[in-house]
Amino acid sequence: MNNKPITAGLILAVAALTAGAQAKSTINKVTSTTVGGGIEIAVQGESLAKPKTFFVGSDRTTYIVEFNAALIGNPGKRTVSAAGLDYYRYVRYRSNPPVSRILLKVTKGTVPTVSEEDGTWYIRVNVNEEAPQMPIDND
C-alpha cells in the first residue's frame, strides 16, 4: 500500500488552510495617544495573532513589531518626538504571505512593550499606566 499520495495531499491541504487563515488577518487602523507621560500605539484589525518583536541595527534604536497580517489602506508615518519615541511608521512589508510591520524609532535604551487587550494590540513606550490619555493628531 502506497501512502505517499495521501500524505502529500494532506500536507497541501494543511498548507492551504494555514495560508487562508493568514490571508484573513488584517490591520485596519493604527492610532496613537499619550498616556502617563508615554506613548501608546493601538493596532486594530481582524484575527491578529501575537506579533514578533525585535530590534534592528547595532545601536538598538529601531524596534520592529511584525504581524502576519495584511495592511488595509495606505502605509503611514507619525512624528511624535516625545517619551523616547521619535517617530513610528506602519507598512506592508510583504504581500505573499502578508506581513506588516510597525517600525518605531526610539532613543537608545528605550524598550517598548507589546500587549493585547480585547482584540487590539498596544505598543507602549515609557507609559505610566495611572495617568490620563490624550490623543495625538492621527489625521
C-alpha atoms as a PDB file:
ATOM      1  CA  MET A   1       0.000   0.000   0.000  1.00  0.00           C
ATOM      2  CA  ASN A   2       1.427   3.381  -1.028  1.00  0.00           C
ATOM      3  CA  ASN A   3       0.517   6.235   1.340  1.00  0.00           C
ATOM      4  CA  LYS A   4       2.692   8.886  -0.312  1.00  0.00           C
ATOM      5  CA  PRO A   5      -0.117  10.493  -2.414  1.00  0.00           C
ATOM      6  CA  ILE A   6      -2.398  10.700   0.642  1.00  0.00           C
ATOM      7  CA  THR A   7       0.364  12.194   2.804  1.00  0.00           C
ATOM      8  CA  ALA A   8       1.308  14.740   0.114  1.00  0.00           C
ATOM      9  CA  GLY A   9      -2.359  15.689  -0.323  1.00  0.00           C
ATOM     10  CA  LEU A  10      -2.801  16.115   3.428  1.00  0.00           C
ATOM     11  CA  ILE A  11       0.280  18.339   3.637  1.00  0.00           C
ATOM     12  CA  LEU A  12      -1.007  20.513   0.780  1.00  0.00           C
ATOM     13  CA  ALA A  13      -4.442  20.792   2.406  1.00  0.00           C
ATOM     14  CA  VAL A  14      -2.944  21.891   5.732  1.00  0.00           C
ATOM     15  CA  ALA A  15      -0.706  24.405   3.930  1.00  0.00           C
ATOM     16  CA  ALA A  16      -3.700  25.833   2.072  1.00  0.00           C
ATOM     17  CA  LEU A  17      -5.695  26.168   5.292  1.00  0.00           C
ATOM     18  CA  THR A  18      -2.780  27.906   7.007  1.00  0.00           C
ATOM     19  CA  ALA A  19      -2.345  30.300   4.084  1.00  0.00           C
ATOM     20  CA  GLY A  20      -6.069  31.022   4.114  1.00  0.00           C
ATOM     21  CA  ALA A  21      -6.013  31.809   7.830  1.00  0.00           C
ATOM     22  CA  GLN A  22      -3.104  34.207   7.366  1.00  0.00           C
ATOM     23  CA  ALA A  23      -4.832  35.942   4.474  1.00  0.00           C
ATOM     24  CA  LYS A  24      -7.791  36.777   6.730  1.00  0.00           C
ATOM     25  CA  SER A  25      -5.602  38.559   9.282  1.00  0.00           C
ATOM     26  CA  THR A  26      -5.686  42.292   8.629  1.00  0.00           C
ATOM     27  CA  ILE A  27      -4.545  45.543  10.194  1.00  0.00           C
ATOM     28  CA  ASN A  28      -7.312  48.087   9.690  1.00  0.00           C
ATOM     29  CA  LYS A  29      -6.216  51.025  11.842  1.00  0.00           C
ATOM     30  CA  VAL A  30      -3.106  52.314  13.635  1.00  0.00           C
ATOM     31  CA  THR A  31      -3.517  55.235  16.059  1.00  0.00           C
ATOM     32  CA  SER A  32      -1.561  56.741  18.927  1.00  0.00           C
ATOM     33  CA  THR A  33      -2.244  58.552  22.180  1.00  0.00           C
ATOM     34  CA  THR A  34      -0.208  59.993  25.002  1.00  0.00           C
ATOM     35  CA  VAL A  35      -0.706  58.009  28.198  1.00  0.00           C
ATOM     36  CA  GLY A  36       1.039  58.560  31.501  1.00  0.00           C
ATOM     37  CA  GLY A  37       3.847  60.609  30.055  1.00  0.00           C
ATOM     38  CA  GLY A  38       4.427  57.948  27.391  1.00  0.00           C
ATOM     39  CA  ILE A  39       3.046  56.957  24.009  1.00  0.00           C
ATOM     40  CA  GLU A  40       0.546  54.181  23.304  1.00  0.00           C
ATOM     41  CA  ILE A  41       0.121  52.927  19.739  1.00  0.00           C
ATOM     42  CA  ALA A  42      -3.068  50.926  19.124  1.00  0.00           C
ATOM     43  CA  VAL A  43      -3.128  48.383  16.277  1.00  0.00           C
ATOM     44  CA  GLN A  44      -6.647  47.301  15.364  1.00  0.00           C
ATOM     45  CA  GLY A  45      -7.607  44.604  12.911  1.00  0.00           C
ATOM     46  CA  GLU A  46      -9.128  41.202  12.331  1.00  0.00           C
ATOM     47  CA  SER A  47      -7.709  37.904  13.646  1.00  0.00           C
ATOM     48  CA  LEU A  48      -4.366  39.406  14.658  1.00  0.00           C
ATOM     49  CA  ALA A  49      -2.051  36.842  16.229  1.00  0.00           C
ATOM     50  CA  LYS A  50       0.785  37.697  18.593  1.00  0.00           C
ATOM     51  CA  PRO A  51       3.390  39.700  16.659  1.00  0.00           C
ATOM     52  CA  LYS A  52       7.125  39.137  16.538  1.00  0.00           C
ATOM     53  CA  THR A  53       9.172  41.910  18.145  1.00  0.00           C
ATOM     54  CA  PHE A  54      12.842  42.700  17.684  1.00  0.00           C
ATOM     55  CA  PHE A  55      15.436  45.453  17.438  1.00  0.00           C
ATOM     56  CA  VAL A  56      17.439  46.028  14.263  1.00  0.00           C
ATOM     57  CA  GLY A  57      20.722  47.852  13.893  1.00  0.00           C
ATOM     58  CA  SER A  58      23.721  47.901  16.152  1.00  0.00           C
ATOM     59  CA  ASP A  59      22.515  50.948  18.097  1.00  0.00           C
ATOM     60  CA  ARG A  60      19.214  49.222  19.065  1.00  0.00           C
ATOM     61  CA  THR A  61      17.101  52.293  18.308  1.00  0.00           C
ATOM     62  CA  THR A  62      14.844  50.734  15.658  1.00  0.00           C
ATOM     63  CA  TYR A  63      12.183  48.461  17.167  1.00  0.00           C
ATOM     64  CA  ILE A  64      10.054  46.295  14.866  1.00  0.00           C
ATOM     65  CA  VAL A  65       6.623  44.841  15.641  1.00  0.00           C
ATOM     66  CA  GLU A  66       5.794  42.350  12.876  1.00  0.00           C
ATOM     67  CA  PHE A  67       2.305  40.964  12.276  1.00  0.00           C
ATOM     68  CA  ASN A  68       1.399  38.114   9.923  1.00  0.00           C
ATOM     69  CA  ALA A  69      -1.388  40.260   8.504  1.00  0.00           C
ATOM     70  CA  ALA A  70      -2.212  42.439   5.516  1.00  0.00           C
ATOM     71  CA  LEU A  71      -2.237  46.201   5.990  1.00  0.00           C
ATOM     72  CA  ILE A  72      -5.542  47.605   4.724  1.00  0.00           C
ATOM     73  CA  GLY A  73      -5.139  51.100   3.320  1.00  0.00           C
ATOM     74  CA  ASN A  74      -2.026  53.166   2.852  1.00  0.00           C
ATOM     75  CA  PRO A  75       1.158  52.969   4.897  1.00  0.00           C
ATOM     76  CA  GLY A  76       1.765  55.881   7.233  1.00  0.00           C
ATOM     77  CA  LYS A  77       4.239  57.733   9.412  1.00  0.00           C
ATOM     78  CA  ARG A  78       3.644  59.761  12.577  1.00  0.00           C
ATOM     79  CA  THR A  79       6.275  62.029  14.090  1.00  0.00           C
ATOM     80  CA  VAL A  80       5.964  62.015  17.874  1.00  0.00           C
ATOM     81  CA  SER A  81       9.235  63.403  19.306  1.00  0.00           C
ATOM     82  CA  ALA A  82       8.233  62.630  22.911  1.00  0.00           C
ATOM     83  CA  ALA A  83       8.660  59.984  25.619  1.00  0.00           C
ATOM     84  CA  GLY A  84      11.660  58.345  23.958  1.00  0.00           C
ATOM     85  CA  LEU A  85       9.866  57.890  20.616  1.00  0.00           C
ATOM     86  CA  ASP A  86      10.991  59.963  17.642  1.00  0.00           C
ATOM     87  CA  TYR A  87       8.505  58.533  15.135  1.00  0.00           C
ATOM     88  CA  TYR A  88       6.713  55.376  14.084  1.00  0.00           C
ATOM     89  CA  ARG A  89       5.689  54.106  10.693  1.00  0.00           C
ATOM     90  CA  TYR A  90       3.473  51.240   9.570  1.00  0.00           C
ATOM     91  CA  VAL A  91       3.974  49.449   6.287  1.00  0.00           C
ATOM     92  CA  ARG A  92       3.111  46.350   4.325  1.00  0.00           C
ATOM     93  CA  TYR A  93       6.428  44.524   4.459  1.00  0.00           C
ATOM     94  CA  ARG A  94       5.473  41.570   2.252  1.00  0.00           C
ATOM     95  CA  SER A  95       2.305  40.690   0.360  1.00  0.00           C
ATOM     96  CA  ASN A  96       2.643  36.914  -0.034  1.00  0.00           C
ATOM     97  CA  PRO A  97       2.309  35.742   2.649  1.00  0.00           C
ATOM     98  CA  PRO A  98       1.001  39.015   4.083  1.00  0.00           C
ATOM     99  CA  VAL A  99       3.324  40.600   6.654  1.00  0.00           C
ATOM    100  CA  SER A 100       3.002  44.123   8.017  1.00  0.00           C
ATOM    101  CA  ARG A 101       5.357  45.981  10.307  1.00  0.00           C
ATOM    102  CA  ILE A 102       5.173  48.834  12.743  1.00  0.00           C
ATOM    103  CA  LEU A 103       8.645  50.387  12.981  1.00  0.00           C
ATOM    104  CA  LEU A 104       9.457  52.585  15.987  1.00  0.00           C
ATOM    105  CA  LYS A 105      12.484  54.867  16.131  1.00  0.00           C
ATOM    106  CA  VAL A 106      13.274  55.081  19.859  1.00  0.00           C
ATOM    107  CA  THR A 107      16.021  56.640  21.947  1.00  0.00           C
ATOM    108  CA  LYS A 108      18.847  54.327  22.969  1.00  0.00           C
ATOM    109  CA  GLY A 109      17.882  52.232  25.996  1.00  0.00           C
ATOM    110  CA  THR A 110      14.110  52.505  25.381  1.00  0.00           C
ATOM    111  CA  VAL A 111      12.329  49.148  25.210  1.00  0.00           C
ATOM    112  CA  PRO A 112       8.661  49.282  24.133  1.00  0.00           C
ATOM    113  CA  THR A 113       6.148  46.773  25.498  1.00  0.00           C
ATOM    114  CA  VAL A 114       3.547  44.946  23.397  1.00  0.00           C
ATOM    115  CA  SER A 115       0.306  43.509  24.760  1.00  0.00           C
ATOM    116  CA  GLU A 116      -3.188  42.574  23.579  1.00  0.00           C
ATOM    117  CA  GLU A 117      -6.468  43.722  25.125  1.00  0.00           C
ATOM    118  CA  ASP A 118      -9.882  42.867  23.661  1.00  0.00           C
ATOM    119  CA  GLY A 119      -8.511  42.170  20.182  1.00  0.00           C
ATOM    120  CA  THR A 120      -6.419  45.356  19.941  1.00  0.00           C
ATOM    121  CA  TRP A 121      -2.623  45.220  20.186  1.00  0.00           C
ATOM    122  CA  TYR A 122      -0.940  48.009  22.131  1.00  0.00           C
ATOM    123  CA  ILE A 123       2.661  49.098  21.740  1.00  0.00           C
ATOM    124  CA  ARG A 124       3.633  51.231  24.733  1.00  0.00           C
ATOM    125  CA  VAL A 125       6.704  53.428  25.044  1.00  0.00           C
ATOM    126  CA  ASN A 126       7.531  54.701  28.558  1.00  0.00           C
ATOM    127  CA  VAL A 127       3.902  54.585  29.714  1.00  0.00           C
ATOM    128  CA  ASN A 128       2.928  55.146  33.343  1.00  0.00           C
ATOM    129  CA  GLU A 129      -0.420  53.276  33.422  1.00  0.00           C
ATOM    130  CA  GLU A 130      -2.027  55.537  36.062  1.00  0.00           C
ATOM    131  CA  ALA A 131      -2.016  58.817  34.083  1.00  0.00           C
ATOM    132  CA  PRO A 132      -4.823  60.115  31.785  1.00  0.00           C
ATOM    133  CA  GLN A 133      -4.875  59.597  27.999  1.00  0.00           C
ATOM    134  CA  MET A 134      -4.572  62.409  25.437  1.00  0.00           C
ATOM    135  CA  PRO A 135      -4.935  61.821  21.665  1.00  0.00           C
ATOM    136  CA  ILE A 136      -2.119  62.629  19.246  1.00  0.00           C
ATOM    137  CA  ASP A 137      -3.077  64.110  15.887  1.00  0.00           C
ATOM    138  CA  ASN A 138      -3.826  60.993  13.780  1.00  0.00           C
ATOM    139  CA  ASP A 139      -5.326  62.667  10.696  1.00  0.00           C
END
